[in-house]
């Protein structure tokens, strides 16, 4: 395993006051069934393993763990945090065939085993929420708590519509796909997201090649109505006003006993524009 590291100071948000805590930020590669997973990590100077439960952050498609970069120093001040690139995205190796959500979850399970983690908390975002749910179902003794930021709950008509117009759109020689994707990014640009932040996330979206649609396809066709009721761990749902605003609401009847928190003034980019707010909500739940 190789890694790159840096250290930042972060204000610890738990307890009665805030104290500066040095947070180590690293990138590393770990083995999984599809080759290597590229993983961003954050942990306090103590190492994190003797502190609070380790947190795994699972991103949306077709993005990467860069999504969680603003959040890592906020959460990593008193626990270890791992944010892997889903297989086939970011800098992780590409699976030999199109995976299902359960396949993605199994690869993340390989990371848990490789790190020899006895228990983990999960944070899922869009596609990552489906992966987190499958991981929680498959590993009820490993997974302690699950936070979902938006839920991909699609009905038959929506699946058929996706089949007619898959996303991200295929590459075109005239570059028309770039305009289509940029317009989509602008359409769902969250409040407070700067043009520079939007361009950065747009670049992240474009790097995944001809298989970029695999993650979205897996999320759209994931049988959420059947699987979500099988999640038995304490769960929290954060509902930003993005393209899954209505889809997420369907989860109220599926996740019994879950805590809910609507974020109507937040959208895509909320980890960058509302970092402290999201970190506070997560800490109250996990701790």
Protein backbone atom coordinates (compact mmCIF):
# COMPACT_ATOMS: atom_id res chain seq x y z
CA UNK A 1 0.00 0.00 0.00
CA UNK A 2 1.28 3.48 -0.90
CA UNK A 3 -0.01 6.78 0.41
CA UNK A 4 0.30 10.55 0.27
CA UNK A 5 -0.32 12.55 3.41
CA UNK A 6 -0.95 16.04 4.73
CA UNK A 7 -2.08 17.47 8.05
CA UNK A 8 -4.72 20.08 8.79
CA UNK A 9 -6.17 21.60 11.93
CA UNK A 10 -9.91 21.22 12.46
CA UNK A 11 -12.28 22.51 15.13
CA UNK A 12 -13.79 19.55 16.94
CA UNK A 13 -17.53 19.97 16.86
CA UNK A 14 -18.48 17.58 19.66
CA UNK A 15 -18.79 18.44 23.33
CA UNK A 16 -19.51 21.77 24.97
CA UNK A 17 -16.81 23.77 23.20
CA UNK A 18 -14.44 23.51 20.27
CA UNK A 19 -10.76 22.67 20.42
CA UNK A 20 -8.26 22.56 17.60
CA UNK A 21 -7.35 19.05 16.58
CA UNK A 22 -4.75 18.08 14.01
CA UNK A 23 -6.21 15.91 11.27
CA UNK A 24 -4.06 13.76 9.00
CA UNK A 25 -5.30 13.55 5.41
CA UNK A 26 -3.98 10.78 3.22
CA UNK A 27 -4.65 8.93 -0.01
CA UNK A 28 -3.92 5.25 -0.35
CA UNK A 29 -4.72 2.13 -2.36
CA UNK A 30 -6.24 -1.04 -0.94
CA UNK A 31 -6.98 -4.36 -2.62
CA UNK A 32 -10.51 -5.50 -3.43
CA UNK A 33 -12.04 -8.13 -5.71
CA UNK A 34 -11.84 -5.75 -8.69
CA UNK A 35 -8.21 -4.75 -8.26
CA UNK A 36 -7.32 -1.69 -6.22
CA UNK A 37 -9.51 0.86 -4.49
CA UNK A 38 -8.29 4.43 -4.29
CA UNK A 39 -9.19 5.73 -0.81
CA UNK A 40 -9.04 9.12 0.86
CA UNK A 41 -8.56 8.91 4.62
CA UNK A 42 -8.63 11.29 7.57
CA UNK A 43 -7.71 10.59 11.18
CA UNK A 44 -6.48 12.45 14.30
CA UNK A 45 -2.91 12.31 15.52
CA UNK A 46 -3.90 9.51 17.88
CA UNK A 47 -4.51 7.31 14.85
CA UNK A 48 -8.28 7.26 15.22
CA UNK A 49 -8.67 3.61 16.12
CA UNK A 50 -8.95 4.24 19.86
CA UNK A 51 -11.47 7.03 19.38
CA UNK A 52 -14.98 6.86 17.91
CA UNK A 53 -16.32 4.33 15.42
CA UNK A 54 -14.61 4.40 12.03
CA UNK A 55 -16.68 6.08 9.30
CA UNK A 56 -16.89 5.00 5.64
CA UNK A 57 -18.14 7.60 3.13
CA UNK A 58 -19.64 6.36 -0.15
CA UNK A 59 -20.05 8.86 -3.00
CA UNK A 60 -22.58 9.38 -5.78
CA UNK A 61 -22.14 8.43 -9.45
CA UNK A 62 -20.40 9.32 -11.68
CA UNK A 63 -18.25 11.24 -9.21
CA UNK A 64 -15.51 10.20 -6.78
CA UNK A 65 -14.48 10.54 -3.15
CA UNK A 66 -13.48 14.14 -3.94
CA UNK A 67 -17.10 14.86 -3.01
CA UNK A 68 -16.21 14.40 0.66
CA UNK A 69 -12.95 16.40 0.70
CA UNK A 70 -14.43 19.37 2.63
CA UNK A 71 -16.04 17.04 5.18
CA UNK A 72 -13.04 14.85 5.97
CA UNK A 73 -11.16 17.32 8.22
CA UNK A 74 -14.38 18.12 10.10
CA UNK A 75 -15.20 14.49 10.89
CA UNK A 76 -11.65 13.10 11.11
CA UNK A 77 -10.69 15.03 14.25
CA UNK A 78 -11.77 12.20 16.58
CA UNK A 79 -12.20 9.10 14.40
CA UNK A 80 -10.78 7.42 11.33
CA UNK A 81 -12.64 8.19 8.10
CA UNK A 82 -12.29 6.33 4.81
CA UNK A 83 -13.77 7.61 1.54
CA UNK A 84 -13.14 5.09 -1.26
CA UNK A 85 -13.64 5.70 -4.96
CA UNK A 86 -16.30 3.21 -6.07
CA UNK A 87 -14.78 0.58 -8.44
CA UNK A 88 -14.61 2.09 -11.91
CA UNK A 89 -14.73 5.69 -10.67
CA UNK A 90 -12.10 8.17 -9.59
CA UNK A 91 -8.76 6.36 -9.41
CA UNK A 92 -10.10 2.91 -8.53
CA UNK A 93 -9.69 -0.01 -10.92
CA UNK A 94 -12.54 -0.84 -13.30
CA UNK A 95 -14.51 -4.09 -12.80
CA UNK A 96 -14.39 -6.54 -15.72
CA UNK A 97 -18.18 -6.41 -16.13
CA UNK A 98 -21.05 -4.12 -15.17
CA UNK A 99 -21.62 -4.37 -11.40
CA UNK A 100 -24.84 -4.26 -9.42
CA UNK A 101 -25.22 -2.29 -6.21
CA UNK A 102 -24.58 -5.53 -4.30
CA UNK A 103 -21.34 -5.99 -6.27
CA UNK A 104 -20.17 -2.49 -5.34
CA UNK A 105 -21.06 -3.17 -1.70
CA UNK A 106 -19.07 -6.41 -1.74
CA UNK A 107 -15.99 -4.52 -2.95
CA UNK A 108 -16.35 -2.04 -0.08
CA UNK A 109 -16.72 -5.06 2.21
CA UNK A 110 -13.30 -6.16 0.99
CA UNK A 111 -11.94 -2.83 2.22
CA UNK A 112 -13.50 -3.40 5.66
CA UNK A 113 -11.93 -6.85 5.82
CA UNK A 114 -8.56 -5.60 4.61
CA UNK A 115 -8.51 -2.93 7.30
CA UNK A 116 -9.68 -5.48 9.90
CA UNK A 117 -12.39 -3.14 11.12
CA UNK A 118 -14.71 -4.69 13.68
CA UNK A 119 -17.39 -2.01 13.36
CA UNK A 120 -18.04 0.92 11.04
CA UNK A 121 -20.55 3.71 10.58
CA UNK A 122 -21.62 4.53 7.03
CA UNK A 123 -22.38 7.72 5.12
CA UNK A 124 -23.97 7.23 1.70
CA UNK A 125 -24.76 9.85 -0.92
CA UNK A 126 -27.10 9.07 -3.85
CA UNK A 127 -25.62 5.87 -5.39
CA UNK A 128 -23.54 5.63 -2.23
CA UNK A 129 -26.76 5.44 -0.20
CA UNK A 130 -27.80 2.30 -2.06
CA UNK A 131 -24.34 0.81 -1.57
CA UNK A 132 -24.47 1.68 2.14
CA UNK A 133 -27.85 -0.01 2.49
CA UNK A 134 -26.62 -3.20 0.83
CA UNK A 135 -23.51 -3.19 3.00
CA UNK A 136 -25.63 -2.75 6.13
CA UNK A 137 -27.88 -5.65 5.10
CA UNK A 138 -24.97 -7.94 4.25
CA UNK A 139 -22.95 -7.09 7.38
CA UNK A 140 -25.35 -6.45 10.27
CA UNK A 141 -22.65 -7.06 12.90
CA UNK A 142 -20.04 -4.88 11.17
CA UNK A 143 -22.22 -1.88 10.36
CA UNK A 144 -23.32 0.09 13.42
CA UNK A 145 -25.19 3.11 12.02
CA UNK A 146 -26.08 4.41 8.56
CA UNK A 147 -26.63 7.99 7.37
CA UNK A 148 -28.18 8.46 3.94
CA UNK A 149 -27.94 11.74 2.01
CA UNK A 150 -30.68 11.32 -0.62
CA UNK A 151 -32.08 7.92 -1.57
CA UNK A 152 -32.26 6.50 -5.13
CA UNK A 153 -35.78 5.04 -5.05
CA UNK A 154 -37.05 4.70 -8.63
CA UNK A 155 -40.30 3.29 -9.99
CA UNK A 156 -40.80 1.30 -13.19
CA UNK A 157 -41.60 4.30 -15.38
CA UNK A 158 -38.48 6.10 -14.22
CA UNK A 159 -36.36 3.03 -14.95
CA UNK A 160 -37.81 2.82 -18.44
CA UNK A 161 -37.10 6.51 -19.00
CA UNK A 162 -33.50 5.99 -17.91
CA UNK A 163 -33.17 3.07 -20.34
CA UNK A 164 -34.28 5.38 -23.17
CA UNK A 165 -31.90 8.14 -22.15
CA UNK A 166 -29.06 6.75 -20.01
CA UNK A 167 -26.95 9.16 -18.03
CA UNK A 168 -24.16 10.22 -18.31
CA UNK A 169 -24.71 10.62 -22.04
CA UNK A 170 -22.42 8.75 -24.48
CA UNK A 171 -19.40 10.53 -25.93
CA UNK A 172 -20.02 12.36 -29.22
CA UNK A 173 -17.40 13.39 -31.73
CA UNK A 174 -18.75 16.95 -31.96
CA UNK A 175 -18.51 17.32 -28.18
CA UNK A 176 -22.25 17.69 -27.78
CA UNK A 177 -22.16 15.40 -24.74
CA UNK A 178 -20.03 17.97 -22.92
CA UNK A 179 -22.65 20.67 -23.37
CA UNK A 180 -25.41 18.29 -22.30
CA UNK A 181 -23.57 17.33 -19.13
CA UNK A 182 -22.63 20.93 -18.35
CA UNK A 183 -26.25 22.03 -18.74
CA UNK A 184 -27.30 19.25 -16.39
CA UNK A 185 -24.69 20.38 -13.87
CA UNK A 186 -25.95 23.96 -14.08
CA UNK A 187 -29.58 22.82 -13.77
CA UNK A 188 -28.90 21.02 -10.49
CA UNK A 189 -26.28 23.44 -9.16
CA UNK A 190 -26.90 23.75 -5.44
CA UNK A 191 -27.30 27.07 -3.62
CA UNK A 192 -23.97 28.67 -2.81
CA UNK A 193 -21.95 26.57 -5.27
CA UNK A 194 -19.49 28.81 -7.08
CA UNK A 195 -18.79 28.52 -10.78
CA UNK A 196 -15.27 27.29 -9.92
CA UNK A 197 -16.67 24.55 -7.65
CA UNK A 198 -19.13 23.53 -10.35
CA UNK A 199 -16.35 23.30 -12.93
CA UNK A 200 -14.26 21.17 -10.58
CA UNK A 201 -17.07 18.68 -10.00
CA UNK A 202 -17.82 18.71 -13.74
CA UNK A 203 -14.24 17.66 -14.45
CA UNK A 204 -14.54 14.87 -11.89
CA UNK A 205 -17.67 13.65 -13.66
CA UNK A 206 -15.98 13.48 -17.08
CA UNK A 207 -13.01 11.31 -16.15
CA UNK A 208 -14.80 7.95 -15.96
CA UNK A 209 -14.85 7.03 -19.64
CA UNK A 210 -17.40 4.93 -21.55
CA UNK A 211 -18.49 3.04 -18.41
CA UNK A 212 -19.45 6.18 -16.49
CA UNK A 213 -23.12 5.19 -16.69
CA UNK A 214 -22.59 1.93 -14.78
CA UNK A 215 -23.06 3.48 -11.34
CA UNK A 216 -26.20 5.41 -12.23
CA UNK A 217 -27.65 2.33 -13.96
CA UNK A 218 -27.02 0.23 -10.86
CA UNK A 219 -28.69 2.85 -8.63
CA UNK A 220 -31.74 3.29 -10.88
CA UNK A 221 -32.31 -0.48 -11.09
CA UNK A 222 -31.62 -1.18 -7.41
CA UNK A 223 -34.82 -2.65 -5.85
CA UNK A 224 -35.03 -0.09 -3.06
CA UNK A 225 -38.58 -1.00 -2.05
CA UNK A 226 -37.43 -4.55 -1.32
CA UNK A 227 -34.05 -3.79 0.20
CA UNK A 228 -34.45 -0.71 2.41
CA UNK A 229 -36.87 -2.42 4.86
CA UNK A 230 -34.08 -4.95 5.54
CA UNK A 231 -31.82 -2.27 7.03
CA UNK A 232 -32.03 -2.87 10.78
CA UNK A 233 -29.35 -0.46 12.02
CA UNK A 234 -30.21 3.01 13.37
CA UNK A 235 -30.44 5.29 10.35
CA UNK A 236 -30.58 8.97 9.50
CA UNK A 237 -31.88 10.43 6.24
CA UNK A 238 -30.75 13.89 5.13
CA UNK A 239 -32.92 15.14 2.26
CA UNK A 240 -31.43 17.96 0.17
CA UNK A 241 -33.47 19.54 -2.61
CA UNK A 242 -31.74 17.95 -5.58
CA UNK A 243 -32.87 15.58 -8.33
CA UNK A 244 -33.70 12.90 -5.71
CA UNK A 245 -35.84 15.19 -3.53
CA UNK A 246 -39.10 13.38 -4.42
CA UNK A 247 -37.45 9.97 -4.70
CA UNK A 248 -36.02 10.24 -1.20
CA UNK A 249 -39.44 11.01 0.28
CA UNK A 250 -40.57 7.54 -0.77
CA UNK A 251 -38.16 6.11 1.78
CA UNK A 252 -40.30 7.23 4.72
CA UNK A 253 -42.47 4.16 4.29
CA UNK A 254 -39.47 1.86 3.83
CA UNK A 255 -37.03 2.85 6.58
CA UNK A 256 -38.97 2.30 9.77
CA UNK A 257 -37.73 4.30 12.74
CA UNK A 258 -35.25 6.35 10.76
CA UNK A 259 -34.49 9.92 11.76
CA UNK A 260 -35.30 12.44 9.03
CA UNK A 261 -33.96 15.92 8.40
CA UNK A 262 -35.08 17.87 5.33
CA UNK A 263 -32.60 20.35 3.84
CA UNK A 264 -34.76 22.34 1.39
CA UNK A 265 -32.16 25.10 1.10
CA UNK A 266 -29.34 22.68 0.21
CA UNK A 267 -28.60 20.84 -3.00
CA UNK A 268 -25.69 19.41 -4.96
CA UNK A 269 -22.43 20.59 -3.45
CA UNK A 270 -23.78 20.64 0.10
CA UNK A 271 -20.62 19.06 1.54
CA UNK A 272 -18.71 22.13 0.35
CA UNK A 273 -21.32 24.84 0.96
CA UNK A 274 -22.77 23.56 4.25
CA UNK A 275 -19.81 21.64 5.69
CA UNK A 276 -20.26 22.65 9.33
CA UNK A 277 -24.03 22.07 9.23
CA UNK A 278 -23.72 18.60 7.72
CA UNK A 279 -20.87 17.66 10.07
CA UNK A 280 -22.95 18.73 13.07
CA UNK A 281 -25.97 16.70 11.96
CA UNK A 282 -23.80 13.65 11.38
CA UNK A 283 -22.01 13.94 14.72
CA UNK A 284 -25.29 14.17 16.63
CA UNK A 285 -26.39 10.96 14.96
CA UNK A 286 -23.17 8.94 15.06
CA UNK A 287 -22.17 9.98 18.58
